Protein backbone atom coordinates (compact mmCIF):
# COMPACT_ATOMS: atom_id res chain seq x y z
CA UNK A 1 141.95 111.21 45.56
CA UNK A 2 144.14 112.34 42.66
CA UNK A 3 143.06 115.16 40.04
CA UNK A 4 141.30 112.63 37.72
CA UNK A 5 139.16 111.27 40.34
CA UNK A 6 138.37 114.82 41.50
CA UNK A 7 137.53 115.83 37.90
CA UNK A 8 135.17 112.71 37.60
CA UNK A 9 133.51 113.28 40.72
CA UNK A 10 132.84 117.11 39.81
CA UNK A 11 131.72 116.29 36.29
CA UNK A 12 129.27 113.65 37.99
CA UNK A 13 127.92 116.39 40.41
CA UNK A 14 127.71 118.87 37.73
CA UNK A 15 125.69 116.36 35.34
CA UNK A 16 123.28 115.27 38.18
CA UNK A 17 122.53 119.11 38.98
CA UNK A 18 121.86 119.70 35.15
CA UNK A 19 119.33 116.61 34.94
CA UNK A 20 117.71 117.78 38.18
CA UNK A 21 117.18 121.26 36.92
CA UNK A 22 116.00 119.92 33.56
CA UNK A 23 113.56 117.83 35.27
CA UNK A 24 112.17 120.81 37.21
CA UNK A 25 110.63 121.94 33.81
CA UNK A 26 109.98 118.51 32.23
CA UNK A 27 106.23 117.43 31.33
CA UNK A 28 105.93 115.09 34.31
CA UNK A 29 104.82 117.93 36.69
CA UNK A 30 101.69 116.74 38.57
CA UNK A 31 98.76 119.17 38.71
CA UNK A 32 95.28 118.98 39.83
CA UNK A 33 91.75 118.94 39.29
CA UNK A 34 90.26 122.04 37.41
CA UNK A 35 88.03 124.12 39.79
CA UNK A 36 86.50 127.52 39.40
CA UNK A 37 85.94 130.13 42.06
CA UNK A 38 82.40 128.97 42.70
CA UNK A 39 83.94 125.32 43.36
CA UNK A 40 82.74 123.37 40.30
CA UNK A 41 85.01 120.84 39.50
CA UNK A 42 86.06 119.21 36.15
CA UNK A 43 86.44 115.50 36.04
CA UNK A 44 89.84 114.52 35.07
CA UNK A 45 91.68 111.13 34.64
CA UNK A 46 94.01 109.80 37.36
CA UNK A 47 96.93 110.25 35.12
CA UNK A 48 96.24 113.86 34.29
CA UNK A 49 98.66 116.51 35.82
CA UNK A 50 95.38 118.11 36.83
CA UNK A 51 93.99 115.24 38.76
CA UNK A 52 94.77 116.71 42.34
CA UNK A 53 95.61 120.25 41.81
CA UNK A 54 92.86 122.60 43.04
CA UNK A 55 94.26 126.04 41.62
CA UNK A 56 92.91 125.55 38.21
CA UNK A 57 89.66 127.14 36.95
CA UNK A 58 87.07 125.17 35.11
CA UNK A 59 86.59 126.62 31.58
CA UNK A 60 83.02 127.50 30.40
CA UNK A 61 81.76 129.98 28.20
CA UNK A 62 80.67 132.81 30.44
CA UNK A 63 83.74 132.27 33.15
CA UNK A 64 84.47 135.64 34.44
CA UNK A 65 87.11 137.38 36.27
CA UNK A 66 87.59 140.75 37.76
CA UNK A 67 90.34 143.19 39.00
CA UNK A 68 90.66 143.48 42.78
CA UNK A 69 88.69 146.61 43.04
CA UNK A 70 86.08 145.10 40.68
CA UNK A 71 86.49 147.99 38.11
CA UNK A 72 87.55 145.74 35.34
CA UNK A 73 85.60 142.59 34.54
CA UNK A 74 86.42 140.10 31.69
CA UNK A 75 84.43 137.15 30.68
CA UNK A 76 84.93 134.25 28.21
CA UNK A 77 82.96 134.27 25.17
CA UNK A 78 84.96 131.31 23.44
CA UNK A 79 88.19 129.54 23.57
CA UNK A 80 89.99 127.37 20.86
CA UNK A 81 90.61 124.69 22.16
CA UNK A 82 88.02 124.52 24.91
CA UNK A 83 88.99 123.76 27.59
CA UNK A 84 92.58 125.56 27.10
CA UNK A 85 94.98 122.73 26.27
CA UNK A 86 98.64 122.30 25.69
CA UNK A 87 99.70 124.09 22.32
CA UNK A 88 98.35 127.05 20.72
CA UNK A 89 95.26 128.62 22.31
CA UNK A 90 93.07 131.45 21.09
CA UNK A 91 90.32 133.09 23.30
CA UNK A 92 87.59 135.60 23.04
CA UNK A 93 86.86 137.65 26.04
CA UNK A 94 84.25 140.33 26.74
CA UNK A 95 85.74 143.21 28.66
CA UNK A 96 83.50 145.70 30.89
CA UNK A 97 84.06 148.19 33.50
CA UNK A 98 82.88 147.89 36.97
CA UNK A 99 79.18 148.72 36.00
CA UNK A 100 79.01 146.40 32.97
CA UNK A 101 79.65 148.79 30.27
CA UNK A 102 81.61 147.58 27.47
CA UNK A 103 85.17 148.94 27.39
CA UNK A 104 86.44 149.83 24.13
CA UNK A 105 89.72 151.18 22.51
CA UNK A 106 91.61 149.63 25.36
CA UNK A 107 95.10 148.20 25.23
CA UNK A 108 96.36 145.21 27.38
CA UNK A 109 99.50 143.67 28.38
CA UNK A 110 98.89 139.69 28.19
CA UNK A 111 101.32 137.51 30.19
CA UNK A 112 101.28 133.64 30.36
CA UNK A 113 102.92 132.58 33.31
CA UNK A 114 103.87 129.23 35.20
CA UNK A 115 104.12 130.09 38.77
CA UNK A 116 105.45 126.62 39.60
CA UNK A 117 108.38 126.90 37.24
CA UNK A 118 108.85 130.90 37.27
CA UNK A 119 108.70 131.24 33.42
CA UNK A 120 106.34 132.42 30.80
CA UNK A 121 105.92 131.63 27.17
CA UNK A 122 108.38 133.14 24.50
CA UNK A 123 105.34 134.08 22.54
CA UNK A 124 103.65 137.30 23.32
CA UNK A 125 100.01 137.45 22.98
CA UNK A 126 98.12 140.09 21.50
CA UNK A 127 94.79 141.32 22.36
CA UNK A 128 92.90 142.54 19.27
CA UNK A 129 89.26 144.51 19.41
CA UNK A 130 86.61 142.80 17.42
CA UNK A 131 83.64 144.39 15.83
CA UNK A 132 81.36 143.88 18.90
CA UNK A 133 81.90 146.80 21.61
CA UNK A 134 83.97 145.42 24.52
CA UNK A 135 84.83 141.95 22.53
CA UNK A 136 88.59 141.13 22.17
CA UNK A 137 90.36 138.15 20.39
CA UNK A 138 93.58 137.00 22.35
CA UNK A 139 96.24 134.89 20.68
CA UNK A 140 98.36 133.03 20.30
CA UNK A 141 98.61 131.79 23.94
CA UNK A 142 101.05 129.38 23.79
CA UNK A 143 101.00 126.64 26.90
CA UNK A 144 103.90 124.64 25.79
CA UNK A 145 103.64 122.18 28.72
CA UNK A 146 101.50 120.78 31.08
CA UNK A 147 100.96 122.33 34.49
CA UNK A 148 99.27 125.50 36.00
CA UNK A 149 99.19 128.44 33.65
CA UNK A 150 98.07 132.01 35.09
CA UNK A 151 97.32 134.57 32.00
CA UNK A 152 97.26 137.91 33.53
CA UNK A 153 95.58 140.83 31.69
CA UNK A 154 96.66 144.33 32.50
CA UNK A 155 94.98 147.22 31.36
CA UNK A 156 97.50 149.81 29.88
CA UNK A 157 96.81 153.14 31.37
CA UNK A 158 98.54 156.56 32.03
CA UNK A 159 97.37 156.98 35.51
CA UNK A 160 96.25 155.19 38.64
CA UNK A 161 96.86 151.76 40.01
CA UNK A 162 97.28 149.07 37.35
CA UNK A 163 94.12 147.17 36.93
CA UNK A 164 94.54 143.27 36.21
CA UNK A 165 92.40 140.27 35.82
CA UNK A 166 93.86 136.71 36.11
CA UNK A 167 92.68 133.46 34.66
CA UNK A 168 94.56 130.11 36.01
CA UNK A 169 94.05 126.85 34.21
CA UNK A 170 95.68 123.67 34.77
CA UNK A 171 96.85 122.39 31.24
CA UNK A 172 96.81 118.59 30.63
CA UNK A 173 99.36 117.07 28.39
């Protein structure tokens, strides 16, 4: 093969590899049915990326999560849109300690993440306390493509192991 043939073959292989990598983060990802930790399932259409993936939680007011040791708890007061969807999302969460007492004045690191694609969002959400004790507004959560999104809320503290609560939703396109 002469140098032109070698260059053409190399160009073709690089182009195919680039297209394959771009397809890995395309909106054609398949997902699955939304299921909560209690086993409740959301009805989805067959063409939904969430039609067959059991990892997502079913959104409902009151949906709750806790840190591994149970010392930090969060529950949904509201979400816009509800259930969480592709695009800009805003959540209102009630945050308590393990005994159910409202957690006030806390600071959190909020990280939306797509575990299947190993990337997050370029927008860093803020968690702002509201007037009611232990209630926080979270936004902007930018779910810019369909698929499984894990949002981790890590309590910022000076000492002790990190406490985190994770919510996982399958975002439809």
